[in-house]
Structure formats: C-alpha cells, structure tokens
N, C-alpha and C. Protein backbone atom coordinates (compact mmCIF):
# COMPACT_ATOMS: atom_id res chain seq x y z
N UNK A 1 135.58 108.05 115.52
CA UNK A 1 135.54 106.92 116.40
C UNK A 1 135.86 105.76 115.61
N UNK A 2 136.68 104.87 116.04
CA UNK A 2 137.10 103.64 115.48
C UNK A 2 135.93 102.73 115.47
N UNK A 3 135.92 101.74 114.49
CA UNK A 3 134.83 100.75 114.47
C UNK A 3 134.73 99.86 115.70
N UNK A 4 135.89 99.59 116.34
CA UNK A 4 135.90 98.80 117.52
C UNK A 4 135.14 99.47 118.68
N UNK A 5 135.40 100.84 118.73
CA UNK A 5 134.78 101.63 119.81
C UNK A 5 133.24 101.79 119.38
N UNK A 6 132.92 102.01 118.23
CA UNK A 6 131.53 102.14 117.86
C UNK A 6 130.77 100.88 118.21
N UNK A 7 131.34 99.67 117.85
CA UNK A 7 130.76 98.40 118.26
C UNK A 7 130.50 98.21 119.67
N UNK A 8 131.57 98.64 120.54
CA UNK A 8 131.43 98.51 122.00
C UNK A 8 130.39 99.40 122.48
N UNK A 9 130.17 100.55 121.93
CA UNK A 9 129.08 101.47 122.27
C UNK A 9 127.78 101.04 121.85
N UNK A 10 127.68 100.45 120.69
CA UNK A 10 126.40 99.84 120.18
C UNK A 10 125.93 98.72 121.00
N UNK A 11 126.98 97.85 121.39
CA UNK A 11 126.52 96.65 122.12
C UNK A 11 126.14 97.14 123.53
N UNK A 12 126.57 98.23 124.05
CA UNK A 12 126.30 98.70 125.41
C UNK A 12 124.84 99.28 125.48
N UNK A 13 124.34 99.76 124.34
CA UNK A 13 123.09 100.46 124.40
C UNK A 13 121.95 99.48 124.52
N UNK A 14 120.79 99.82 125.17
CA UNK A 14 119.65 99.02 125.42
C UNK A 14 118.90 98.84 124.08
N UNK A 15 118.62 100.02 123.34
CA UNK A 15 117.81 99.89 122.06
C UNK A 15 118.78 99.92 121.00
N UNK A 16 119.04 98.84 120.26
CA UNK A 16 120.03 98.72 119.28
C UNK A 16 119.36 98.99 117.99
N UNK A 17 119.93 99.84 117.06
CA UNK A 17 119.53 100.14 115.80
C UNK A 17 120.26 99.02 114.81
N UNK A 18 119.40 98.23 114.19
CA UNK A 18 119.93 97.21 113.34
C UNK A 18 120.87 97.71 112.21
N UNK A 19 120.37 98.74 111.51
CA UNK A 19 121.09 99.29 110.45
C UNK A 19 122.50 99.76 110.85
N UNK A 20 122.54 100.43 111.99
CA UNK A 20 123.84 100.89 112.59
C UNK A 20 124.73 99.83 112.90
N UNK A 21 124.07 98.64 113.32
CA UNK A 21 124.98 97.42 113.65
C UNK A 21 125.51 96.83 112.40
N UNK A 22 124.72 96.73 111.33
CA UNK A 22 125.20 96.41 110.12
C UNK A 22 126.27 97.09 109.47
N UNK A 23 126.16 98.48 109.59
CA UNK A 23 127.13 99.41 109.15
C UNK A 23 128.45 99.27 109.90
N UNK A 24 128.41 98.96 111.24
CA UNK A 24 129.58 98.77 111.97
C UNK A 24 130.31 97.44 111.47
N UNK A 25 129.51 96.35 111.35
CA UNK A 25 130.15 95.10 110.85
C UNK A 25 130.84 95.33 109.53
N UNK A 26 130.18 96.14 108.63
CA UNK A 26 130.82 96.43 107.30
C UNK A 26 132.05 97.10 107.47
N UNK A 27 132.06 98.13 108.40
CA UNK A 27 133.39 98.91 108.69
C UNK A 27 134.52 97.97 109.24
N UNK A 28 134.08 97.00 110.01
CA UNK A 28 134.98 96.06 110.62
C UNK A 28 135.48 95.03 109.62
N UNK A 29 134.92 94.98 108.37
CA UNK A 29 135.22 94.03 107.38
C UNK A 29 135.02 92.64 107.82
N UNK A 30 133.95 92.29 108.46
CA UNK A 30 133.52 91.03 108.87
C UNK A 30 133.24 90.20 107.65
N UNK A 31 133.87 89.06 107.40
CA UNK A 31 133.49 88.19 106.24
C UNK A 31 132.40 87.28 106.71
N UNK A 32 131.17 87.48 106.40
CA UNK A 32 130.05 86.52 106.76
C UNK A 32 130.15 85.12 106.29
N UNK A 33 130.91 84.95 105.21
CA UNK A 33 131.17 83.53 104.75
C UNK A 33 132.03 82.75 105.62
N UNK A 34 132.96 83.37 106.29
CA UNK A 34 133.92 82.73 107.19
C UNK A 34 133.73 82.82 108.65
N UNK A 35 132.65 83.59 108.98
CA UNK A 35 132.31 83.87 110.40
C UNK A 35 131.44 82.72 110.84
N UNK A 36 131.75 82.05 111.96
CA UNK A 36 131.04 80.89 112.57
C UNK A 36 129.60 81.25 112.93
N UNK A 37 129.39 82.53 113.39
CA UNK A 37 127.98 82.91 113.68
C UNK A 37 127.07 82.79 112.43
N UNK A 38 127.54 83.12 111.30
CA UNK A 38 126.76 83.25 110.03
C UNK A 38 126.72 81.94 109.29
N UNK A 39 127.55 80.90 109.64
CA UNK A 39 127.49 79.59 108.88
C UNK A 39 126.29 78.82 109.20
N UNK A 40 125.75 78.26 108.22
CA UNK A 40 124.47 77.44 108.29
C UNK A 40 124.83 76.07 108.85
N UNK A 41 124.04 75.51 109.70
CA UNK A 41 124.19 74.11 110.12
C UNK A 41 122.83 73.67 110.75
N UNK A 42 122.72 72.47 111.28
CA UNK A 42 121.49 72.01 111.77
C UNK A 42 121.06 72.81 112.99
N UNK A 43 119.80 73.28 112.94
CA UNK A 43 119.19 74.15 114.05
C UNK A 43 119.48 75.62 113.86
N UNK A 44 120.11 76.02 112.76
CA UNK A 44 120.42 77.47 112.65
C UNK A 44 119.33 78.17 111.86
N UNK A 45 118.23 77.53 111.40
CA UNK A 45 117.26 78.13 110.60
C UNK A 45 116.53 79.28 111.36
N UNK A 46 116.33 79.04 112.78
CA UNK A 46 115.69 80.08 113.49
C UNK A 46 116.42 81.41 113.65
N UNK A 47 117.66 81.33 113.98
CA UNK A 47 118.54 82.55 114.19
C UNK A 47 118.65 83.20 112.70
N UNK A 48 118.89 82.36 111.64
CA UNK A 48 119.16 82.93 110.29
C UNK A 48 117.94 83.64 109.99
N UNK A 49 116.69 83.04 110.18
CA UNK A 49 115.45 83.63 109.80
C UNK A 49 115.26 85.03 110.59
N UNK A 50 115.64 85.08 111.71
CA UNK A 50 115.50 86.32 112.50
C UNK A 50 116.37 87.35 111.89
N UNK A 51 117.59 87.02 111.49
CA UNK A 51 118.49 87.97 110.94
C UNK A 51 117.92 88.53 109.60
N UNK A 52 117.43 87.62 108.78
CA UNK A 52 116.93 88.06 107.37
C UNK A 52 115.75 88.85 107.61
N UNK A 53 114.84 88.63 108.61
CA UNK A 53 113.56 89.42 108.76
C UNK A 53 114.01 90.90 109.10
N UNK A 54 115.12 91.05 109.91
CA UNK A 54 115.54 92.39 110.25
C UNK A 54 115.91 93.31 108.99
C-alpha cells in the first residue's frame, strides 16, 4: 500500500496509533523543518508540547 493510502486509512480510524502515524510521515518524506505545522511561533508551545509527550 502506498504511503498516501496508508495516511488516508490512518486518518480515517478512530483510535490512531502515534508510532504508525510517525512511520507514515517518515515514508512520505515530510521535512518537519519546512512544514508549517511543525514551525514554532507564538502560541505553539501547547501543540508542540503535546507532540513531544507522545
């Protein structure tokens, strides 16, 4: 199954496995340094803290 299909299936599930999601992002070659979701800015401490706790 292609990474895009795996991501769609993962997003559609109710109980998501964090490790599986990370593996899918790695397979999709998402560059966290260039992705807007992962960039730090004012007010981002909460969601970044939640990501790091996982």
